[in-house]
N, C-alpha and C. Protein backbone atom coordinates (compact mmCIF):
# COMPACT_ATOMS: atom_id res chain seq x y z
N MET A 1 35.71 -16.53 17.05
CA MET A 1 34.26 -16.41 17.21
C MET A 1 33.79 -17.20 18.42
N SER A 2 32.83 -16.65 19.14
CA SER A 2 32.31 -17.34 20.31
C SER A 2 31.64 -18.65 19.91
N LYS A 3 31.86 -19.70 20.72
CA LYS A 3 31.24 -21.00 20.48
C LYS A 3 29.80 -21.01 20.99
N ASN A 4 29.46 -20.06 21.83
CA ASN A 4 28.10 -20.00 22.37
C ASN A 4 27.16 -19.30 21.40
N ARG A 5 25.95 -19.76 21.38
CA ARG A 5 24.95 -19.11 20.53
C ARG A 5 24.44 -17.86 21.24
N ILE A 6 24.36 -16.79 20.48
CA ILE A 6 23.93 -15.52 21.04
C ILE A 6 22.45 -15.56 21.39
N ASN A 7 22.12 -14.92 22.50
CA ASN A 7 20.73 -14.68 22.86
C ASN A 7 20.34 -13.32 22.24
N TYR A 8 19.20 -13.27 21.55
CA TYR A 8 18.74 -12.01 20.97
C TYR A 8 17.75 -11.36 21.94
N PRO A 9 18.19 -10.33 22.65
CA PRO A 9 17.32 -9.74 23.67
C PRO A 9 16.20 -8.90 23.08
N HIS A 10 15.08 -8.87 23.77
CA HIS A 10 13.98 -7.98 23.41
C HIS A 10 14.31 -6.58 23.90
N LEU A 11 13.70 -5.59 23.29
CA LEU A 11 13.89 -4.22 23.73
C LEU A 11 13.41 -4.08 25.16
N SER A 12 14.26 -3.55 26.01
CA SER A 12 13.96 -3.44 27.44
C SER A 12 14.79 -2.30 28.02
N LYS A 13 14.57 -2.01 29.30
CA LYS A 13 15.38 -1.00 29.98
C LYS A 13 16.84 -1.44 30.03
N TYR A 14 17.08 -2.74 30.22
CA TYR A 14 18.46 -3.24 30.27
C TYR A 14 19.16 -3.01 28.93
N LEU A 15 18.44 -3.27 27.85
CA LEU A 15 19.04 -3.08 26.54
C LEU A 15 19.28 -1.59 26.27
N ALA A 16 18.36 -0.74 26.69
CA ALA A 16 18.52 0.70 26.51
C ALA A 16 19.76 1.21 27.25
N GLU A 17 19.97 0.71 28.46
CA GLU A 17 21.16 1.09 29.22
C GLU A 17 22.42 0.60 28.52
N PHE A 18 22.38 -0.62 28.01
CA PHE A 18 23.52 -1.17 27.28
C PHE A 18 23.88 -0.30 26.08
N VAL A 19 22.87 0.16 25.35
CA VAL A 19 23.11 1.01 24.19
C VAL A 19 23.83 2.29 24.61
N GLY A 20 23.39 2.89 25.72
CA GLY A 20 24.05 4.10 26.23
C GLY A 20 25.49 3.85 26.61
N ILE A 21 25.76 2.72 27.24
CA ILE A 21 27.14 2.37 27.62
C ILE A 21 27.99 2.17 26.38
N HIS A 22 27.44 1.49 25.38
CA HIS A 22 28.21 1.27 24.15
C HIS A 22 28.51 2.60 23.46
N TYR A 23 27.54 3.50 23.42
CA TYR A 23 27.78 4.81 22.82
C TYR A 23 28.91 5.55 23.54
N GLY A 24 29.06 5.29 24.84
CA GLY A 24 30.11 5.94 25.60
C GLY A 24 31.47 5.29 25.43
N ASP A 25 31.59 4.02 25.81
CA ASP A 25 32.90 3.37 25.87
C ASP A 25 33.02 2.12 25.02
N GLY A 26 32.11 1.92 24.09
CA GLY A 26 32.15 0.72 23.26
C GLY A 26 32.65 0.98 21.85
N ALA A 27 32.97 -0.11 21.16
CA ALA A 27 33.42 -0.01 19.76
C ALA A 27 33.06 -1.30 19.03
N LEU A 28 32.83 -1.14 17.76
CA LEU A 28 32.46 -2.25 16.89
C LEU A 28 33.33 -2.14 15.64
N TYR A 29 34.12 -3.19 15.35
CA TYR A 29 34.97 -3.10 14.17
C TYR A 29 35.37 -4.48 13.66
N MET A 30 35.83 -4.50 12.42
CA MET A 30 36.32 -5.72 11.80
C MET A 30 37.76 -5.48 11.38
N ASP A 31 38.70 -6.36 11.79
CA ASP A 31 40.10 -6.15 11.44
C ASP A 31 40.40 -6.72 10.05
N ASN A 32 41.67 -6.60 9.63
CA ASN A 32 42.03 -7.03 8.27
C ASN A 32 42.04 -8.54 8.09
N ARG A 33 41.82 -9.29 9.17
CA ARG A 33 41.70 -10.75 9.08
C ARG A 33 40.24 -11.18 9.17
N TYR A 34 39.35 -10.23 9.05
CA TYR A 34 37.91 -10.47 9.09
C TYR A 34 37.46 -11.05 10.43
N ASN A 35 38.10 -10.59 11.50
CA ASN A 35 37.63 -10.90 12.85
C ASN A 35 36.60 -9.83 13.24
N TYR A 36 35.42 -10.27 13.61
CA TYR A 36 34.34 -9.35 13.96
C TYR A 36 34.40 -9.10 15.47
N LYS A 37 34.75 -7.87 15.86
CA LYS A 37 35.07 -7.59 17.25
C LYS A 37 34.10 -6.60 17.90
N VAL A 38 33.77 -6.91 19.15
CA VAL A 38 33.00 -6.02 20.02
C VAL A 38 33.91 -5.70 21.20
N TYR A 39 34.09 -4.43 21.50
CA TYR A 39 35.17 -4.03 22.41
C TYR A 39 34.71 -2.89 23.33
N TYR A 40 35.18 -2.95 24.59
CA TYR A 40 34.88 -1.90 25.58
C TYR A 40 36.13 -1.59 26.38
N SER A 41 36.29 -0.34 26.75
CA SER A 41 37.45 0.06 27.54
C SER A 41 37.01 1.00 28.66
N PHE A 42 37.41 0.66 29.90
CA PHE A 42 37.06 1.47 31.06
C PHE A 42 38.32 1.88 31.81
N ASN A 43 38.20 2.92 32.61
CA ASN A 43 39.30 3.40 33.44
C ASN A 43 39.52 2.44 34.61
N LEU A 44 40.74 1.91 34.74
CA LEU A 44 41.01 0.90 35.76
C LEU A 44 40.86 1.44 37.17
N SER A 45 41.34 2.64 37.42
CA SER A 45 41.31 3.19 38.78
C SER A 45 39.92 3.70 39.18
N LYS A 46 39.11 4.11 38.21
CA LYS A 46 37.82 4.72 38.54
C LYS A 46 36.61 3.81 38.26
N ASP A 47 36.76 2.88 37.31
CA ASP A 47 35.59 2.15 36.83
C ASP A 47 35.67 0.64 37.02
N LEU A 48 36.50 0.19 37.95
CA LEU A 48 36.65 -1.25 38.15
C LEU A 48 35.32 -1.90 38.54
N GLU A 49 34.63 -1.33 39.52
CA GLU A 49 33.34 -1.91 39.96
C GLU A 49 32.29 -1.81 38.85
N PHE A 50 32.31 -0.71 38.12
CA PHE A 50 31.34 -0.56 37.03
C PHE A 50 31.60 -1.58 35.93
N SER A 51 32.87 -1.90 35.66
CA SER A 51 33.18 -2.89 34.64
C SER A 51 32.61 -4.25 35.02
N LYS A 52 32.61 -4.57 36.32
CA LYS A 52 32.02 -5.83 36.77
C LYS A 52 30.51 -5.82 36.55
N TYR A 53 29.90 -4.68 36.82
CA TYR A 53 28.46 -4.54 36.57
C TYR A 53 28.16 -4.73 35.08
N PHE A 54 29.00 -4.15 34.23
CA PHE A 54 28.76 -4.23 32.80
C PHE A 54 28.91 -5.66 32.28
N VAL A 55 29.91 -6.38 32.78
CA VAL A 55 30.09 -7.78 32.38
C VAL A 55 28.83 -8.58 32.70
N SER A 56 28.25 -8.34 33.88
CA SER A 56 27.03 -9.02 34.29
C SER A 56 25.85 -8.63 33.40
N LEU A 57 25.73 -7.33 33.09
CA LEU A 57 24.66 -6.85 32.23
C LEU A 57 24.77 -7.45 30.83
N PHE A 58 25.98 -7.51 30.30
CA PHE A 58 26.23 -8.05 28.97
C PHE A 58 25.81 -9.52 28.90
N TYR A 59 26.17 -10.28 29.94
CA TYR A 59 25.80 -11.70 29.96
C TYR A 59 24.29 -11.87 30.08
N LYS A 60 23.67 -11.02 30.89
CA LYS A 60 22.22 -11.08 31.06
C LYS A 60 21.50 -10.87 29.73
N LEU A 61 22.03 -9.99 28.90
CA LEU A 61 21.40 -9.67 27.63
C LEU A 61 21.68 -10.70 26.54
N PHE A 62 22.94 -11.12 26.42
CA PHE A 62 23.35 -11.92 25.26
C PHE A 62 23.76 -13.35 25.58
N HIS A 63 23.88 -13.68 26.86
CA HIS A 63 24.36 -15.01 27.29
C HIS A 63 25.75 -15.30 26.72
N LEU A 64 26.57 -14.25 26.65
CA LEU A 64 27.94 -14.36 26.20
C LEU A 64 28.86 -13.76 27.25
N LYS A 65 30.03 -14.37 27.44
CA LYS A 65 30.99 -13.87 28.41
C LYS A 65 32.06 -13.04 27.71
N LEU A 66 32.26 -11.85 28.22
CA LEU A 66 33.31 -10.98 27.69
C LEU A 66 34.67 -11.43 28.23
N HIS A 67 35.68 -11.36 27.39
CA HIS A 67 37.06 -11.58 27.86
C HIS A 67 37.53 -10.30 28.53
N ILE A 68 38.23 -10.44 29.64
CA ILE A 68 38.65 -9.29 30.44
C ILE A 68 40.17 -9.20 30.46
N TYR A 69 40.70 -8.02 30.15
CA TYR A 69 42.14 -7.79 30.14
C TYR A 69 42.44 -6.55 30.98
N TYR A 70 43.31 -6.71 31.97
CA TYR A 70 43.73 -5.59 32.82
C TYR A 70 45.02 -5.01 32.26
N ARG A 71 45.02 -3.70 32.04
CA ARG A 71 46.18 -3.01 31.49
C ARG A 71 46.64 -1.91 32.46
N PRO A 72 47.35 -2.28 33.54
CA PRO A 72 47.75 -1.29 34.55
C PRO A 72 48.59 -0.15 33.98
N LYS A 73 49.47 -0.44 33.02
CA LYS A 73 50.31 0.63 32.45
C LYS A 73 49.48 1.66 31.71
N ARG A 74 48.35 1.24 31.18
CA ARG A 74 47.45 2.16 30.48
C ARG A 74 46.32 2.65 31.39
N ASN A 75 46.29 2.12 32.61
CA ASN A 75 45.22 2.41 33.56
C ASN A 75 43.85 2.10 32.94
N SER A 76 43.75 0.93 32.31
CA SER A 76 42.51 0.58 31.63
C SER A 76 42.12 -0.88 31.85
N ILE A 77 40.84 -1.13 31.70
CA ILE A 77 40.29 -2.49 31.66
C ILE A 77 39.68 -2.64 30.28
N GLU A 78 40.10 -3.66 29.54
CA GLU A 78 39.59 -3.88 28.20
C GLU A 78 38.74 -5.15 28.18
N LEU A 79 37.53 -5.02 27.65
CA LEU A 79 36.59 -6.13 27.58
C LEU A 79 36.21 -6.34 26.12
N GLY A 80 36.13 -7.60 25.71
CA GLY A 80 35.74 -7.80 24.33
C GLY A 80 35.59 -9.26 23.96
N LEU A 81 35.15 -9.48 22.74
CA LEU A 81 35.06 -10.81 22.18
C LEU A 81 34.93 -10.72 20.68
N ARG A 82 35.23 -11.83 20.01
CA ARG A 82 35.04 -11.94 18.57
C ARG A 82 33.81 -12.80 18.32
N CYS A 83 32.84 -12.22 17.65
CA CYS A 83 31.59 -12.96 17.40
C CYS A 83 30.86 -12.28 16.24
N LYS A 84 30.89 -12.92 15.08
CA LYS A 84 30.26 -12.34 13.90
C LYS A 84 28.76 -12.15 14.10
N GLU A 85 28.12 -13.13 14.73
CA GLU A 85 26.67 -13.07 14.94
C GLU A 85 26.29 -11.87 15.79
N LEU A 86 27.04 -11.63 16.88
CA LEU A 86 26.77 -10.48 17.73
C LEU A 86 27.08 -9.18 16.99
N TYR A 87 28.20 -9.16 16.30
CA TYR A 87 28.61 -7.98 15.53
C TYR A 87 27.49 -7.55 14.56
N LEU A 88 26.95 -8.51 13.83
CA LEU A 88 25.91 -8.20 12.85
C LEU A 88 24.61 -7.76 13.52
N PHE A 89 24.31 -8.37 14.68
CA PHE A 89 23.11 -7.96 15.41
C PHE A 89 23.23 -6.51 15.87
N LEU A 90 24.38 -6.15 16.43
CA LEU A 90 24.58 -4.79 16.92
C LEU A 90 24.60 -3.78 15.76
N LYS A 91 25.20 -4.17 14.65
CA LYS A 91 25.30 -3.26 13.50
C LYS A 91 23.97 -3.12 12.76
N ASP A 92 23.33 -4.24 12.48
CA ASP A 92 22.15 -4.21 11.62
C ASP A 92 20.84 -3.98 12.38
N LYS A 93 20.71 -4.57 13.56
CA LYS A 93 19.46 -4.45 14.32
C LYS A 93 19.46 -3.25 15.26
N LEU A 94 20.57 -3.06 15.98
CA LEU A 94 20.62 -1.93 16.92
C LEU A 94 21.22 -0.66 16.31
N LYS A 95 21.71 -0.78 15.07
CA LYS A 95 22.22 0.37 14.31
C LYS A 95 23.44 1.01 14.95
N PHE A 96 24.32 0.19 15.54
CA PHE A 96 25.56 0.71 16.10
C PHE A 96 26.52 1.07 14.96
N PRO A 97 27.25 2.18 15.10
CA PRO A 97 28.25 2.53 14.08
C PRO A 97 29.44 1.58 14.13
N VAL A 98 30.07 1.38 12.99
CA VAL A 98 31.28 0.57 12.91
C VAL A 98 32.47 1.50 12.83
N GLY A 99 33.53 1.19 13.60
CA GLY A 99 34.72 2.04 13.61
C GLY A 99 34.51 3.26 14.49
N LYS A 100 35.01 4.39 14.05
CA LYS A 100 34.90 5.62 14.83
C LYS A 100 33.44 6.01 14.99
N LYS A 101 33.10 6.45 16.20
CA LYS A 101 31.70 6.81 16.49
C LYS A 101 31.44 8.28 16.16
N ASN A 102 31.53 8.57 14.89
CA ASN A 102 31.21 9.93 14.42
C ASN A 102 29.73 10.02 14.10
N HIS A 103 29.17 11.19 14.27
CA HIS A 103 27.77 11.45 13.90
C HIS A 103 26.80 10.51 14.62
N LEU A 104 26.96 10.42 15.93
CA LEU A 104 26.05 9.59 16.72
C LEU A 104 24.66 10.20 16.77
N SER A 105 23.68 9.33 16.92
CA SER A 105 22.30 9.78 17.10
C SER A 105 21.56 8.75 17.95
N ILE A 106 20.70 9.22 18.83
CA ILE A 106 19.93 8.30 19.68
C ILE A 106 18.93 7.56 18.80
N PRO A 107 18.94 6.22 18.82
CA PRO A 107 18.04 5.45 17.95
C PRO A 107 16.57 5.72 18.27
N ASN A 108 15.74 5.63 17.25
CA ASN A 108 14.30 5.86 17.43
C ASN A 108 13.66 4.86 18.39
N TYR A 109 14.18 3.62 18.42
CA TYR A 109 13.60 2.63 19.33
C TYR A 109 13.87 2.98 20.80
N ILE A 110 14.86 3.83 21.05
CA ILE A 110 15.12 4.34 22.41
C ILE A 110 14.21 5.53 22.70
N LYS A 111 14.03 6.38 21.73
CA LYS A 111 13.27 7.62 21.93
C LYS A 111 11.78 7.38 22.18
N LYS A 112 11.28 6.22 21.78
CA LYS A 112 9.83 6.03 21.81
C LYS A 112 9.25 5.89 23.21
N LYS A 113 10.09 5.62 24.21
CA LYS A 113 9.61 5.52 25.59
C LYS A 113 10.54 6.28 26.52
N LYS A 114 9.96 7.06 27.42
CA LYS A 114 10.78 7.83 28.35
C LYS A 114 11.63 6.93 29.25
N SER A 115 11.08 5.75 29.60
CA SER A 115 11.84 4.83 30.46
C SER A 115 13.08 4.33 29.74
N TYR A 116 12.98 4.08 28.41
CA TYR A 116 14.15 3.67 27.65
C TYR A 116 15.14 4.82 27.52
N LEU A 117 14.61 6.01 27.30
CA LEU A 117 15.46 7.19 27.13
C LEU A 117 16.25 7.47 28.40
N SER A 118 15.61 7.36 29.56
CA SER A 118 16.31 7.64 30.81
C SER A 118 17.41 6.60 31.07
N LEU A 119 17.16 5.33 30.71
CA LEU A 119 18.19 4.30 30.91
C LEU A 119 19.32 4.44 29.90
N PHE A 120 19.00 4.86 28.69
CA PHE A 120 20.05 5.16 27.71
C PHE A 120 20.96 6.26 28.25
N LEU A 121 20.35 7.32 28.77
CA LEU A 121 21.13 8.44 29.33
C LEU A 121 21.94 8.00 30.53
N ARG A 122 21.42 7.06 31.31
CA ARG A 122 22.18 6.54 32.45
C ARG A 122 23.45 5.85 31.96
N GLY A 123 23.31 4.99 30.95
CA GLY A 123 24.49 4.31 30.41
C GLY A 123 25.50 5.27 29.84
N LEU A 124 25.03 6.30 29.14
CA LEU A 124 25.92 7.31 28.57
C LEU A 124 26.61 8.11 29.67
N PHE A 125 25.85 8.50 30.68
CA PHE A 125 26.40 9.25 31.81
C PHE A 125 27.45 8.44 32.56
N ASP A 126 27.22 7.15 32.73
CA ASP A 126 28.14 6.30 33.48
C ASP A 126 29.45 6.05 32.75
N THR A 127 29.51 6.38 31.47
CA THR A 127 30.73 6.20 30.69
C THR A 127 31.36 7.52 30.27
N ASP A 128 30.54 8.45 29.77
CA ASP A 128 31.06 9.72 29.27
C ASP A 128 30.64 10.90 30.14
N GLY A 129 30.26 10.63 31.38
CA GLY A 129 29.82 11.71 32.26
C GLY A 129 30.59 11.75 33.56
N CYS A 130 30.34 12.78 34.34
CA CYS A 130 30.99 12.91 35.65
C CYS A 130 30.15 13.82 36.55
N VAL A 131 30.46 13.79 37.84
CA VAL A 131 29.84 14.67 38.82
C VAL A 131 30.94 15.55 39.41
N THR A 132 30.75 16.86 39.41
CA THR A 132 31.73 17.79 39.96
C THR A 132 31.01 18.80 40.86
N PHE A 133 31.81 19.67 41.47
CA PHE A 133 31.25 20.70 42.35
C PHE A 133 31.79 22.06 41.95
N GLN A 134 30.96 23.06 42.11
CA GLN A 134 31.35 24.43 41.86
C GLN A 134 31.47 25.14 43.21
N LYS A 135 32.64 25.73 43.45
CA LYS A 135 32.93 26.41 44.72
C LYS A 135 32.71 25.46 45.91
N HIS A 136 32.98 24.14 45.68
CA HIS A 136 32.85 23.12 46.72
C HIS A 136 31.44 23.07 47.33
N LYS A 137 30.45 23.57 46.59
CA LYS A 137 29.11 23.63 47.16
C LYS A 137 28.04 23.18 46.17
N TYR A 138 28.06 23.73 44.95
CA TYR A 138 26.99 23.46 43.99
C TYR A 138 27.33 22.25 43.14
N ILE A 139 26.39 21.33 43.03
CA ILE A 139 26.63 20.10 42.29
C ILE A 139 26.38 20.31 40.80
N ILE A 140 27.24 19.71 39.97
CA ILE A 140 27.14 19.83 38.52
C ILE A 140 27.34 18.45 37.89
N ILE A 141 26.48 18.11 36.95
CA ILE A 141 26.64 16.89 36.16
C ILE A 141 27.04 17.29 34.75
N LYS A 142 28.01 16.56 34.18
CA LYS A 142 28.44 16.81 32.81
C LYS A 142 28.45 15.52 32.01
N ILE A 143 28.01 15.60 30.77
CA ILE A 143 28.14 14.51 29.80
C ILE A 143 28.88 15.10 28.61
N CYS A 144 29.96 14.45 28.20
CA CYS A 144 30.82 15.02 27.16
C CYS A 144 30.70 14.26 25.85
N THR A 145 30.75 14.99 24.75
CA THR A 145 30.77 14.39 23.41
C THR A 145 31.52 15.32 22.46
N LYS A 146 32.09 14.75 21.41
CA LYS A 146 32.78 15.55 20.39
C LYS A 146 31.84 15.99 19.27
N ASP A 147 30.62 15.48 19.31
CA ASP A 147 29.65 15.70 18.24
C ASP A 147 28.62 16.75 18.67
N LYS A 148 28.63 17.89 18.01
CA LYS A 148 27.71 18.98 18.37
C LYS A 148 26.25 18.56 18.23
N ASN A 149 25.91 17.89 17.13
CA ASN A 149 24.52 17.47 16.92
C ASN A 149 24.07 16.47 17.97
N PHE A 150 24.98 15.58 18.37
CA PHE A 150 24.65 14.61 19.41
C PHE A 150 24.46 15.32 20.75
N ALA A 151 25.27 16.34 21.02
CA ALA A 151 25.12 17.13 22.24
C ALA A 151 23.73 17.78 22.29
N GLU A 152 23.30 18.33 21.16
CA GLU A 152 21.98 18.96 21.10
C GLU A 152 20.87 17.93 21.26
N GLU A 153 21.10 16.71 20.76
CA GLU A 153 20.10 15.65 20.90
C GLU A 153 20.00 15.19 22.35
N ILE A 154 21.14 15.13 23.04
CA ILE A 154 21.12 14.77 24.47
C ILE A 154 20.36 15.83 25.25
N LYS A 155 20.64 17.10 24.96
CA LYS A 155 19.93 18.19 25.64
C LYS A 155 18.43 18.10 25.40
N SER A 156 18.04 17.81 24.17
CA SER A 156 16.62 17.68 23.83
C SER A 156 15.99 16.51 24.59
N SER A 157 16.74 15.43 24.74
CA SER A 157 16.23 14.27 25.48
C SER A 157 16.05 14.60 26.95
N LEU A 158 16.97 15.37 27.50
CA LEU A 158 16.83 15.81 28.89
C LEU A 158 15.60 16.71 29.04
N ASP A 159 15.37 17.57 28.05
CA ASP A 159 14.16 18.41 28.06
C ASP A 159 12.90 17.55 28.09
N THR A 160 12.92 16.45 27.33
CA THR A 160 11.78 15.52 27.31
C THR A 160 11.51 14.96 28.71
N LEU A 161 12.59 14.74 29.46
CA LEU A 161 12.46 14.23 30.83
C LEU A 161 12.28 15.36 31.85
N GLU A 162 12.13 16.58 31.35
CA GLU A 162 11.93 17.78 32.19
C GLU A 162 13.14 18.02 33.10
N ILE A 163 14.32 17.88 32.50
CA ILE A 163 15.58 18.17 33.18
C ILE A 163 16.28 19.27 32.38
N SER A 164 16.40 20.45 32.95
CA SER A 164 17.02 21.57 32.25
C SER A 164 18.54 21.39 32.17
N SER A 165 19.12 21.78 31.06
CA SER A 165 20.56 21.68 30.87
C SER A 165 21.02 22.74 29.89
N CYS A 166 22.32 22.90 29.74
CA CYS A 166 22.89 23.79 28.74
C CYS A 166 24.10 23.10 28.12
N ILE A 167 24.57 23.63 27.01
CA ILE A 167 25.72 23.04 26.32
C ILE A 167 26.89 24.01 26.37
N GLY A 168 28.03 23.52 26.81
CA GLY A 168 29.25 24.31 26.84
C GLY A 168 30.26 23.75 25.85
N LYS A 169 30.93 24.63 25.13
CA LYS A 169 31.94 24.22 24.14
C LYS A 169 33.32 24.40 24.74
N LYS A 170 34.19 23.43 24.50
CA LYS A 170 35.56 23.53 24.98
C LYS A 170 36.52 23.09 23.89
N SER A 171 37.72 23.65 23.88
CA SER A 171 38.70 23.30 22.87
C SER A 171 40.08 23.16 23.49
N SER A 172 40.92 22.33 22.89
CA SER A 172 42.28 22.12 23.37
C SER A 172 43.17 21.73 22.20
N LEU A 173 44.47 21.91 22.37
CA LEU A 173 45.44 21.54 21.36
C LEU A 173 46.06 20.19 21.70
N ARG A 174 45.99 19.25 20.77
CA ARG A 174 46.63 17.95 20.94
C ARG A 174 47.46 17.66 19.71
N ASN A 175 48.78 17.56 19.93
CA ASN A 175 49.70 17.34 18.81
C ASN A 175 49.50 18.38 17.71
N ASN A 176 49.37 19.63 18.17
CA ASN A 176 49.19 20.77 17.27
C ASN A 176 47.89 20.72 16.48
N THR A 177 46.94 19.93 16.96
CA THR A 177 45.63 19.85 16.32
C THR A 177 44.57 20.37 17.28
N LEU A 178 43.72 21.25 16.79
CA LEU A 178 42.65 21.80 17.63
C LEU A 178 41.54 20.76 17.79
N CYS A 179 41.25 20.40 19.03
CA CYS A 179 40.20 19.43 19.33
C CYS A 179 39.05 20.15 20.02
N VAL A 180 37.85 19.94 19.53
CA VAL A 180 36.66 20.59 20.08
C VAL A 180 35.73 19.54 20.66
N ALA A 181 35.18 19.83 21.83
CA ALA A 181 34.22 18.92 22.47
C ALA A 181 33.12 19.75 23.11
N TYR A 182 32.05 19.07 23.51
CA TYR A 182 30.88 19.76 24.07
C TYR A 182 30.46 19.08 25.38
N ASP A 183 30.21 19.88 26.39
CA ASP A 183 29.69 19.38 27.66
C ASP A 183 28.21 19.72 27.76
N ILE A 184 27.39 18.71 28.02
CA ILE A 184 26.01 18.96 28.39
C ILE A 184 26.02 19.10 29.90
N ILE A 185 25.63 20.26 30.40
CA ILE A 185 25.81 20.62 31.81
C ILE A 185 24.46 20.70 32.51
N ILE A 186 24.36 20.02 33.65
CA ILE A 186 23.14 20.00 34.45
C ILE A 186 23.52 20.48 35.85
N ARG A 187 22.87 21.53 36.34
CA ARG A 187 23.29 22.17 37.58
C ARG A 187 22.27 22.03 38.71
N SER A 188 22.79 22.03 39.92
CA SER A 188 22.04 22.19 41.16
C SER A 188 20.74 21.39 41.22
N LYS A 189 19.58 22.05 41.28
CA LYS A 189 18.30 21.36 41.45
C LYS A 189 18.04 20.38 40.31
N ASN A 190 18.45 20.73 39.11
CA ASN A 190 18.25 19.82 37.99
C ASN A 190 19.15 18.60 38.08
N ALA A 191 20.30 18.74 38.72
CA ALA A 191 21.16 17.57 38.96
C ALA A 191 20.47 16.59 39.90
N ILE A 192 19.75 17.12 40.89
CA ILE A 192 18.99 16.28 41.81
C ILE A 192 17.89 15.54 41.05
N ILE A 193 17.19 16.26 40.17
CA ILE A 193 16.14 15.64 39.35
C ILE A 193 16.74 14.56 38.46
N PHE A 194 17.94 14.85 37.91
CA PHE A 194 18.62 13.88 37.05
C PHE A 194 18.87 12.57 37.80
N PHE A 195 19.36 12.66 39.02
CA PHE A 195 19.64 11.45 39.78
C PHE A 195 18.37 10.70 40.16
N LYS A 196 17.26 11.42 40.28
CA LYS A 196 15.99 10.77 40.58
C LYS A 196 15.41 10.08 39.36
N LYS A 197 15.50 10.72 38.20
CA LYS A 197 14.87 10.20 36.99
C LYS A 197 15.78 9.31 36.15
N VAL A 198 17.09 9.58 36.19
CA VAL A 198 18.05 8.85 35.36
C VAL A 198 18.93 7.95 36.22
N GLY A 199 19.59 8.55 37.21
CA GLY A 199 20.39 7.78 38.14
C GLY A 199 21.72 7.31 37.57
N SER A 200 22.36 6.40 38.30
CA SER A 200 23.68 5.91 37.91
C SER A 200 23.91 4.53 38.48
N ASN A 201 24.60 3.68 37.73
CA ASN A 201 25.06 2.39 38.22
C ASN A 201 26.57 2.35 38.38
N ASN A 202 27.21 3.51 38.24
CA ASN A 202 28.65 3.60 38.37
C ASN A 202 29.01 4.22 39.72
N PRO A 203 29.69 3.47 40.60
CA PRO A 203 30.01 4.00 41.93
C PRO A 203 30.72 5.34 41.92
N ARG A 204 31.58 5.58 40.91
CA ARG A 204 32.31 6.86 40.90
C ARG A 204 31.36 8.04 40.75
N ASN A 205 30.17 7.81 40.23
CA ASN A 205 29.18 8.88 40.11
C ASN A 205 28.28 8.98 41.33
N TYR A 206 27.65 7.87 41.70
CA TYR A 206 26.65 7.99 42.77
C TYR A 206 27.28 8.16 44.15
N ILE A 207 28.52 7.70 44.36
CA ILE A 207 29.18 7.93 45.65
C ILE A 207 29.46 9.42 45.84
N ILE A 208 29.92 10.08 44.78
CA ILE A 208 30.16 11.52 44.86
C ILE A 208 28.85 12.26 45.11
N TYR A 209 27.79 11.82 44.43
CA TYR A 209 26.49 12.46 44.64
C TYR A 209 26.03 12.28 46.07
N LYS A 210 26.22 11.10 46.64
CA LYS A 210 25.81 10.85 48.03
C LYS A 210 26.62 11.71 48.99
N LYS A 211 27.90 11.94 48.69
CA LYS A 211 28.72 12.82 49.52
C LYS A 211 28.12 14.22 49.52
N TRP A 212 27.73 14.68 48.31
CA TRP A 212 27.14 16.01 48.23
C TRP A 212 25.80 16.04 48.97
N GLU A 213 25.01 14.99 48.84
CA GLU A 213 23.71 14.93 49.50
C GLU A 213 23.87 15.03 51.01
N CYS A 214 24.86 14.34 51.55
CA CYS A 214 25.14 14.44 52.99
C CYS A 214 25.61 15.84 53.36
N ARG A 215 26.42 16.45 52.50
CA ARG A 215 26.92 17.80 52.75
C ARG A 215 25.77 18.80 52.69
N ASP A 216 24.81 18.58 51.79
CA ASP A 216 23.67 19.49 51.66
C ASP A 216 22.81 19.46 52.92
N LEU A 217 22.73 18.28 53.56
CA LEU A 217 21.96 18.16 54.80
C LEU A 217 22.76 18.64 56.00
N ASN A 218 24.13 18.57 55.87
CA ASN A 218 25.00 18.99 56.96
C ASN A 218 26.05 19.96 56.39
N PRO A 219 25.74 21.23 56.27
CA PRO A 219 26.58 22.20 55.59
C PRO A 219 28.00 22.31 56.11
N ASP A 220 28.27 21.87 57.33
CA ASP A 220 29.61 22.00 57.89
C ASP A 220 30.54 20.88 57.42
N LEU A 221 29.98 19.84 56.77
CA LEU A 221 30.83 18.75 56.28
C LEU A 221 31.58 19.18 55.03
N PRO A 222 32.86 18.79 54.91
CA PRO A 222 33.60 19.11 53.67
C PRO A 222 33.13 18.21 52.54
N VAL A 223 33.26 18.68 51.31
CA VAL A 223 32.88 17.91 50.14
C VAL A 223 34.07 17.84 49.19
N SER A 224 34.31 16.65 48.66
CA SER A 224 35.35 16.46 47.68
C SER A 224 34.79 15.64 46.54
N SER A 225 35.19 15.97 45.30
CA SER A 225 34.73 15.22 44.14
C SER A 225 35.67 14.06 43.81
N SER A 226 36.64 13.81 44.68
CA SER A 226 37.56 12.70 44.43
C SER A 226 37.11 11.46 45.16
């Protein structure tokens, strides 16, 4: 357990973004030794700079330092700490799920303000989203989830922000098990609106968008999503 006393943050844009990030790459669980754990995992090759941003955001909110573990063989960065007080705050006050994040839903305290909703979506996009191109020309934003109801809720939230989107279903076989997921897809002009209203704090997203923006102004420039 952390020796530092937790800071209990007020509802703010920073907290709304944190909630979105946790919904994407966070986890809350208690092991069989009754260790209360808060855990995050990011892609080492793609999200190194974003992980540094998140560590700073986490400290700003809770005045707690995350332990950082680099796992090159897994291509991951793992961040976490054991703190019963924080665990209970996230579970009871912010209504974070414990264990597997099945049946996610955007909390009502996020939905009540558009500014909170847009920052929540930013955090979710920066963890479970990406920017791609169609025919090396048209920009597409995707946010992925395994939960159909959550996908519909994300789409509804984008509608609230006047950002049009659609939902695409995809399936794959993993270890002879059919896995189904859903992409919330935002195309072309609506992708531009998304970056204006929601934005990104993850370099792997906004750098690709800036490449496309330069290409849109200079059509002869090549564009790559890598």
